[in-house]
Amino acid sequence: MKFIKLSLVAAIIASSLVADAITVSGDATLTSNALWRGTSLTDDTATVQATLGLEHESGVYAGIWGTGLTVGSELDIYAGYATEIAGIGIDGGFVAYTTTGPDANGEYEYTTDQYGEVYLGLSYSTVVDLGVTLYKGVLEADEDSTIVELAVDKDFGAAYVGVAYGAQLDEDTGPSYYSATVGMPFESVKGDLSLTYANTDADGSDAVFAVTYTTSF
């Protein structure tokens, strides 16, 4: 009986230590246009988005992200590991995209593992924050793609700016894309307001814009 009691105490202590090592975070977003890789997911209409994430002090993390679409919604589940070696950030993981939308009869059908990607990113901070990320499509062979995304960001304190370019290495799977964002943080509400311009290199592609407000916890 004494051994059982000691085991229970040890289990409680271990659970407490694990819980203390995990950080829970999230955000809620209102945007005039849901943008993804140079295109609109909502036909230039407003929607809401949300993220809930868990991160262990070891660098392991996981979470979910959701957004409204033109018709239906999208829920993405991701997991990965992030660390830093000699000042270089390393971040790798997997994300599965799932969507809800009408079927041929106009009824809603939940589709799981519709598409997925593995990713590996490197980042470095000097005068600006530099990042390069490789995305490799998986799960669906006919949607398999490889993208290299370059990003440059600068935080001025009262405002921040960022530009990104994603090069689609397989032209048959989609166009390359680019974007530019300017924003202002609001410390009192743990949020920020931003304006984003985005487009792709596809023939006849039109520029898209989004005004976005995000608050985090």
C-alpha atoms as a PDB file:
ATOM      1  CA  MET A   1       0.000   0.000   0.000  1.00  0.00           C
ATOM      2  CA  LYS A   2       2.856   2.352   0.850  1.00  0.00           C
ATOM      3  CA  PHE A   3       4.433   1.655  -2.557  1.00  0.00           C
ATOM      4  CA  ILE A   4       1.129   2.446  -4.299  1.00  0.00           C
ATOM      5  CA  LYS A   5       0.804   5.737  -2.413  1.00  0.00           C
ATOM      6  CA  LEU A   6       4.369   6.720  -3.292  1.00  0.00           C
ATOM      7  CA  SER A   7       3.717   5.811  -6.935  1.00  0.00           C
ATOM      8  CA  LEU A   8       0.605   8.005  -6.996  1.00  0.00           C
ATOM      9  CA  VAL A   9       2.546  10.910  -5.487  1.00  0.00           C
ATOM     10  CA  ALA A  10       5.317  10.443  -8.066  1.00  0.00           C
ATOM     11  CA  ALA A  11       2.770  10.352 -10.893  1.00  0.00           C
ATOM     12  CA  ILE A  12       1.111  13.546  -9.654  1.00  0.00           C
ATOM     13  CA  ILE A  13       4.479  15.303  -9.389  1.00  0.00           C
ATOM     14  CA  ALA A  14       5.503  14.131 -12.875  1.00  0.00           C
ATOM     15  CA  SER A  15       2.197  15.309 -14.341  1.00  0.00           C
ATOM     16  CA  SER A  16       2.655  18.683 -12.645  1.00  0.00           C
ATOM     17  CA  LEU A  17       6.169  19.053 -14.055  1.00  0.00           C
ATOM     18  CA  VAL A  18       4.976  18.171 -17.562  1.00  0.00           C
ATOM     19  CA  ALA A  19       2.091  20.635 -17.290  1.00  0.00           C
ATOM     20  CA  ASP A  20       4.456  23.387 -16.103  1.00  0.00           C
ATOM     21  CA  ALA A  21       6.658  22.754 -19.149  1.00  0.00           C
ATOM     22  CA  ILE A  22       3.781  23.276 -21.607  1.00  0.00           C
ATOM     23  CA  THR A  23       2.661  26.683 -22.837  1.00  0.00           C
ATOM     24  CA  VAL A  24      -0.847  27.157 -24.209  1.00  0.00           C
ATOM     25  CA  SER A  25      -1.408  30.004 -26.650  1.00  0.00           C
ATOM     26  CA  GLY A  26      -3.958  31.083 -29.191  1.00  0.00           C
ATOM     27  CA  ASP A  27      -5.375  33.919 -31.216  1.00  0.00           C
ATOM     28  CA  ALA A  28      -8.603  35.126 -32.766  1.00  0.00           C
ATOM     29  CA  THR A  29      -8.619  36.979 -36.090  1.00  0.00           C
ATOM     30  CA  LEU A  30     -11.091  39.088 -38.027  1.00  0.00           C
ATOM     31  CA  THR A  31      -9.997  39.669 -41.625  1.00  0.00           C
ATOM     32  CA  SER A  32     -11.551  41.342 -44.637  1.00  0.00           C
ATOM     33  CA  ASN A  33     -10.112  38.617 -46.883  1.00  0.00           C
ATOM     34  CA  ALA A  34      -8.608  35.197 -46.102  1.00  0.00           C
ATOM     35  CA  LEU A  35      -5.355  35.116 -48.083  1.00  0.00           C
ATOM     36  CA  TRP A  36      -3.231  32.041 -48.762  1.00  0.00           C
ATOM     37  CA  ARG A  37      -0.230  31.953 -51.082  1.00  0.00           C
ATOM     38  CA  GLY A  38      -1.251  34.931 -53.151  1.00  0.00           C
ATOM     39  CA  THR A  39      -4.941  34.094 -53.547  1.00  0.00           C
ATOM     40  CA  SER A  40      -8.208  34.628 -51.663  1.00  0.00           C
ATOM     41  CA  LEU A  41      -9.932  31.697 -49.958  1.00  0.00           C
ATOM     42  CA  THR A  42     -13.129  33.727 -49.494  1.00  0.00           C
ATOM     43  CA  ASP A  43     -13.631  35.557 -52.817  1.00  0.00           C
ATOM     44  CA  ASP A  44     -12.607  38.878 -51.231  1.00  0.00           C
ATOM     45  CA  THR A  45     -15.101  38.628 -48.373  1.00  0.00           C
ATOM     46  CA  ALA A  46     -14.578  38.850 -44.615  1.00  0.00           C
ATOM     47  CA  THR A  47     -14.221  35.881 -42.291  1.00  0.00           C
ATOM     48  CA  VAL A  48     -13.019  34.868 -38.838  1.00  0.00           C
ATOM     49  CA  GLN A  49     -10.044  32.678 -37.985  1.00  0.00           C
ATOM     50  CA  ALA A  50      -8.620  31.136 -34.821  1.00  0.00           C
ATOM     51  CA  THR A  51      -5.545  29.255 -33.615  1.00  0.00           C
ATOM     52  CA  LEU A  52      -4.956  27.119 -30.525  1.00  0.00           C
ATOM     53  CA  GLY A  53      -1.460  25.800 -29.879  1.00  0.00           C
ATOM     54  CA  LEU A  54       0.561  23.844 -27.317  1.00  0.00           C
ATOM     55  CA  GLU A  55       4.336  24.120 -26.961  1.00  0.00           C
ATOM     56  CA  HIS A  56       6.638  22.103 -24.729  1.00  0.00           C
ATOM     57  CA  GLU A  57       9.807  23.686 -23.405  1.00  0.00           C
ATOM     58  CA  SER A  58      11.770  21.052 -25.338  1.00  0.00           C
ATOM     59  CA  GLY A  59      10.647  22.703 -28.602  1.00  0.00           C
ATOM     60  CA  VAL A  60       7.921  20.222 -29.536  1.00  0.00           C
ATOM     61  CA  TYR A  61       4.637  21.901 -30.484  1.00  0.00           C
ATOM     62  CA  ALA A  62       1.206  21.131 -31.939  1.00  0.00           C
ATOM     63  CA  GLY A  63      -1.981  22.998 -32.679  1.00  0.00           C
ATOM     64  CA  ILE A  64      -5.044  23.626 -34.814  1.00  0.00           C
ATOM     65  CA  TRP A  65      -5.980  26.556 -37.068  1.00  0.00           C
ATOM     66  CA  GLY A  66      -9.392  27.245 -38.539  1.00  0.00           C
ATOM     67  CA  THR A  67     -10.916  29.687 -40.996  1.00  0.00           C
ATOM     68  CA  GLY A  68     -14.169  30.288 -42.783  1.00  0.00           C
ATOM     69  CA  LEU A  69     -14.110  29.748 -46.551  1.00  0.00           C
ATOM     70  CA  THR A  70     -16.306  31.089 -49.343  1.00  0.00           C
ATOM     71  CA  VAL A  71     -18.496  28.031 -48.752  1.00  0.00           C
ATOM     72  CA  GLY A  72     -17.744  25.895 -45.713  1.00  0.00           C
ATOM     73  CA  SER A  73     -14.657  26.014 -43.510  1.00  0.00           C
ATOM     74  CA  GLU A  74     -11.101  24.752 -43.184  1.00  0.00           C
ATOM     75  CA  LEU A  75      -9.404  23.175 -40.174  1.00  0.00           C
ATOM     76  CA  ASP A  76      -5.658  22.530 -40.219  1.00  0.00           C
ATOM     77  CA  ILE A  77      -3.817  20.365 -37.706  1.00  0.00           C
ATOM     78  CA  TYR A  78      -0.062  20.792 -37.310  1.00  0.00           C
ATOM     79  CA  ALA A  79       2.808  19.440 -35.221  1.00  0.00           C
ATOM     80  CA  GLY A  80       6.538  20.019 -35.243  1.00  0.00           C
ATOM     81  CA  TYR A  81       9.776  20.774 -33.453  1.00  0.00           C
ATOM     82  CA  ALA A  82      11.645  24.077 -33.241  1.00  0.00           C
ATOM     83  CA  THR A  83      15.096  24.802 -31.852  1.00  0.00           C
ATOM     84  CA  GLU A  84      18.080  27.096 -32.351  1.00  0.00           C
ATOM     85  CA  ILE A  85      21.677  26.168 -33.113  1.00  0.00           C
ATOM     86  CA  ALA A  86      24.438  28.798 -33.303  1.00  0.00           C
ATOM     87  CA  GLY A  87      21.874  31.565 -33.729  1.00  0.00           C
ATOM     88  CA  ILE A  88      20.042  29.786 -36.564  1.00  0.00           C
ATOM     89  CA  GLY A  89      16.425  28.844 -35.938  1.00  0.00           C
ATOM     90  CA  ILE A  90      15.348  25.411 -37.167  1.00  0.00           C
ATOM     91  CA  ASP A  91      11.679  24.476 -37.461  1.00  0.00           C
ATOM     92  CA  GLY A  92      10.286  21.292 -39.006  1.00  0.00           C
ATOM     93  CA  GLY A  93       6.945  19.527 -38.936  1.00  0.00           C
ATOM     94  CA  PHE A  94       3.774  18.441 -40.677  1.00  0.00           C
ATOM     95  CA  VAL A  95       0.411  20.083 -41.390  1.00  0.00           C
ATOM     96  CA  ALA A  96      -2.803  18.369 -42.539  1.00  0.00           C
ATOM     97  CA  TYR A  97      -5.442  20.498 -44.283  1.00  0.00           C
ATOM     98  CA  THR A  98      -9.082  19.470 -43.884  1.00  0.00           C
ATOM     99  CA  THR A  99     -12.126  21.208 -45.336  1.00  0.00           C
ATOM    100  CA  THR A 100     -15.883  21.167 -45.017  1.00  0.00           C
ATOM    101  CA  GLY A 101     -17.916  21.909 -48.133  1.00  0.00           C
ATOM    102  CA  PRO A 102     -21.008  20.910 -50.078  1.00  0.00           C
ATOM    103  CA  ASP A 103     -21.031  17.665 -52.032  1.00  0.00           C
ATOM    104  CA  ALA A 104     -22.697  17.155 -55.418  1.00  0.00           C
ATOM    105  CA  ASN A 105     -26.136  17.176 -53.750  1.00  0.00           C
ATOM    106  CA  GLY A 106     -25.489  20.450 -51.969  1.00  0.00           C
ATOM    107  CA  GLU A 107     -25.067  18.744 -48.612  1.00  0.00           C
ATOM    108  CA  TYR A 108     -22.059  19.253 -46.356  1.00  0.00           C
ATOM    109  CA  GLU A 109     -19.479  16.514 -46.224  1.00  0.00           C
ATOM    110  CA  TYR A 110     -16.410  16.593 -43.966  1.00  0.00           C
ATOM    111  CA  THR A 111     -13.254  15.628 -45.843  1.00  0.00           C
ATOM    112  CA  THR A 112     -10.219  14.560 -43.810  1.00  0.00           C
ATOM    113  CA  ASP A 113      -6.587  14.439 -44.921  1.00  0.00           C
ATOM    114  CA  GLN A 114      -7.491  16.128 -48.171  1.00  0.00           C
ATOM    115  CA  TYR A 115      -3.960  17.451 -48.432  1.00  0.00           C
ATOM    116  CA  GLY A 116      -0.860  17.633 -46.299  1.00  0.00           C
ATOM    117  CA  GLU A 117       2.627  19.096 -46.252  1.00  0.00           C
ATOM    118  CA  VAL A 118       5.878  18.496 -44.433  1.00  0.00           C
ATOM    119  CA  TYR A 119       8.026  21.573 -43.909  1.00  0.00           C
ATOM    120  CA  LEU A 120      11.525  22.553 -42.838  1.00  0.00           C
ATOM    121  CA  GLY A 121      12.468  26.146 -42.124  1.00  0.00           C
ATOM    122  CA  LEU A 122      15.650  28.042 -41.260  1.00  0.00           C
ATOM    123  CA  SER A 123      15.710  31.560 -39.819  1.00  0.00           C
ATOM    124  CA  TYR A 124      18.299  34.106 -38.757  1.00  0.00           C
ATOM    125  CA  SER A 125      18.030  37.563 -37.184  1.00  0.00           C
ATOM    126  CA  THR A 126      20.438  40.366 -38.031  1.00  0.00           C
ATOM    127  CA  VAL A 127      19.288  43.866 -38.945  1.00  0.00           C
ATOM    128  CA  VAL A 128      16.199  42.105 -40.295  1.00  0.00           C
ATOM    129  CA  ASP A 129      14.662  38.687 -39.713  1.00  0.00           C
ATOM    130  CA  LEU A 130      15.417  36.294 -42.569  1.00  0.00           C
ATOM    131  CA  GLY A 131      13.690  33.005 -43.213  1.00  0.00           C
ATOM    132  CA  VAL A 132      13.578  30.246 -45.797  1.00  0.00           C
ATOM    133  CA  THR A 133      11.106  27.341 -45.661  1.00  0.00           C
ATOM    134  CA  LEU A 134      10.750  24.252 -47.828  1.00  0.00           C
ATOM    135  CA  TYR A 135       7.220  22.794 -48.170  1.00  0.00           C
ATOM    136  CA  LYS A 136       6.708  19.330 -49.650  1.00  0.00           C
ATOM    137  CA  GLY A 137       3.199  18.135 -50.475  1.00  0.00           C
ATOM    138  CA  VAL A 138       2.175  14.676 -49.278  1.00  0.00           C
ATOM    139  CA  LEU A 139      -0.964  12.519 -48.867  1.00  0.00           C
ATOM    140  CA  GLU A 140      -2.339  13.230 -52.355  1.00  0.00           C
ATOM    141  CA  ALA A 141      -0.015  12.245 -55.210  1.00  0.00           C
ATOM    142  CA  ASP A 142      -1.824  14.347 -57.805  1.00  0.00           C
ATOM    143  CA  GLU A 143      -1.400  17.435 -55.606  1.00  0.00           C
ATOM    144  CA  ASP A 144       2.222  16.763 -54.738  1.00  0.00           C
ATOM    145  CA  SER A 145       4.207  20.003 -54.849  1.00  0.00           C
ATOM    146  CA  THR A 146       7.451  21.542 -53.660  1.00  0.00           C
ATOM    147  CA  ILE A 147       7.630  25.184 -52.609  1.00  0.00           C
ATOM    148  CA  VAL A 148      10.546  27.258 -51.363  1.00  0.00           C
ATOM    149  CA  GLU A 149       9.373  30.353 -49.497  1.00  0.00           C
ATOM    150  CA  LEU A 150      11.655  33.274 -48.665  1.00  0.00           C
ATOM    151  CA  ALA A 151      10.654  35.859 -46.053  1.00  0.00           C
ATOM    152  CA  VAL A 152      12.167  39.123 -44.805  1.00  0.00           C
ATOM    153  CA  ASP A 153      10.674  40.921 -41.800  1.00  0.00           C
ATOM    154  CA  LYS A 154      11.568  44.017 -39.815  1.00  0.00           C
ATOM    155  CA  ASP A 155      10.088  45.066 -36.471  1.00  0.00           C
ATOM    156  CA  PHE A 156      10.384  48.795 -35.784  1.00  0.00           C
ATOM    157  CA  GLY A 157       8.583  48.595 -32.448  1.00  0.00           C
ATOM    158  CA  ALA A 158       5.708  50.921 -33.292  1.00  0.00           C
ATOM    159  CA  ALA A 159       5.186  49.121 -36.613  1.00  0.00           C
ATOM    160  CA  TYR A 160       6.458  46.159 -38.613  1.00  0.00           C
ATOM    161  CA  VAL A 161       6.833  45.226 -42.263  1.00  0.00           C
ATOM    162  CA  GLY A 162       7.330  41.931 -44.041  1.00  0.00           C
ATOM    163  CA  VAL A 163       7.663  40.573 -47.562  1.00  0.00           C
ATOM    164  CA  ALA A 164       7.527  36.975 -48.771  1.00  0.00           C
ATOM    165  CA  TYR A 165       8.006  35.101 -52.028  1.00  0.00           C
ATOM    166  CA  GLY A 166       7.084  31.487 -52.616  1.00  0.00           C
ATOM    167  CA  ALA A 167       8.626  29.731 -55.608  1.00  0.00           C
ATOM    168  CA  GLN A 168       6.619  26.749 -56.882  1.00  0.00           C
ATOM    169  CA  LEU A 169       9.263  24.323 -58.144  1.00  0.00           C
ATOM    170  CA  ASP A 170       6.711  22.218 -60.020  1.00  0.00           C
ATOM    171  CA  GLU A 171       4.772  24.558 -62.328  1.00  0.00           C
ATOM    172  CA  ASP A 172       2.058  21.936 -62.884  1.00  0.00           C
ATOM    173  CA  THR A 173       0.910  22.162 -59.246  1.00  0.00           C
ATOM    174  CA  GLY A 174       0.298  25.919 -59.040  1.00  0.00           C
ATOM    175  CA  PRO A 175       1.776  29.388 -59.478  1.00  0.00           C
ATOM    176  CA  SER A 176       4.476  31.071 -57.454  1.00  0.00           C
ATOM    177  CA  TYR A 177       3.285  33.875 -55.162  1.00  0.00           C
ATOM    178  CA  TYR A 178       4.379  36.950 -53.258  1.00  0.00           C
ATOM    179  CA  SER A 179       3.067  39.271 -50.549  1.00  0.00           C
ATOM    180  CA  ALA A 180       3.848  42.400 -48.534  1.00  0.00           C
ATOM    181  CA  THR A 181       2.466  43.288 -45.101  1.00  0.00           C
ATOM    182  CA  VAL A 182       2.589  46.369 -42.878  1.00  0.00           C
ATOM    183  CA  GLY A 183       1.151  46.363 -39.383  1.00  0.00           C
ATOM    184  CA  MET A 184       0.951  48.003 -35.976  1.00  0.00           C
ATOM    185  CA  PRO A 185       0.884  46.200 -32.598  1.00  0.00           C
ATOM    186  CA  PHE A 186      -1.442  47.193 -29.767  1.00  0.00           C
ATOM    187  CA  GLU A 187       0.087  46.013 -26.501  1.00  0.00           C
ATOM    188  CA  SER A 188      -2.958  46.941 -24.403  1.00  0.00           C
ATOM    189  CA  VAL A 189      -5.107  44.298 -26.106  1.00  0.00           C
ATOM    190  CA  LYS A 190      -2.317  41.904 -27.139  1.00  0.00           C
ATOM    191  CA  GLY A 191      -3.200  42.304 -30.785  1.00  0.00           C
ATOM    192  CA  ASP A 192      -2.257  44.025 -34.009  1.00  0.00           C
ATOM    193  CA  LEU A 193      -3.792  45.592 -37.101  1.00  0.00           C
ATOM    194  CA  SER A 194      -2.241  44.889 -40.502  1.00  0.00           C
ATOM    195  CA  LEU A 195      -2.665  45.450 -44.237  1.00  0.00           C
ATOM    196  CA  THR A 196      -1.517  42.776 -46.711  1.00  0.00           C
ATOM    197  CA  TYR A 197      -1.075  42.875 -50.479  1.00  0.00           C
ATOM    198  CA  ALA A 198      -0.631  39.568 -52.329  1.00  0.00           C
ATOM    199  CA  ASN A 199      -0.601  38.140 -55.843  1.00  0.00           C
ATOM    200  CA  THR A 200       0.662  35.221 -57.951  1.00  0.00           C
ATOM    201  CA  ASP A 201       2.569  34.966 -61.215  1.00  0.00           C
ATOM    202  CA  ALA A 202      -0.304  33.127 -62.937  1.00  0.00           C
ATOM    203  CA  ASP A 203      -1.573  34.668 -66.187  1.00  0.00           C
ATOM    204  CA  GLY A 204      -4.470  37.018 -65.497  1.00  0.00           C
ATOM    205  CA  SER A 205      -4.002  36.856 -61.728  1.00  0.00           C
ATOM    206  CA  ASP A 206      -5.386  39.871 -59.853  1.00  0.00           C
ATOM    207  CA  ALA A 207      -3.895  41.400 -56.731  1.00  0.00           C
ATOM    208  CA  VAL A 208      -5.721  40.727 -53.467  1.00  0.00           C
ATOM    209  CA  PHE A 209      -5.734  42.771 -50.258  1.00  0.00           C
ATOM    210  CA  ALA A 210      -6.664  42.118 -46.642  1.00  0.00           C
ATOM    211  CA  VAL A 211      -7.117  44.265 -43.546  1.00  0.00           C
ATOM    212  CA  THR A 212      -6.674  42.030 -40.532  1.00  0.00           C
ATOM    213  CA  TYR A 213      -7.039  42.436 -36.785  1.00  0.00           C
ATOM    214  CA  THR A 214      -5.654  39.691 -34.521  1.00  0.00           C
ATOM    215  CA  THR A 215      -5.737  39.433 -30.747  1.00  0.00           C
ATOM    216  CA  SER A 216      -3.765  36.763 -28.934  1.00  0.00           C
ATOM    217  CA  PHE A 217      -3.655  35.104 -25.534  1.00  0.00           C
END
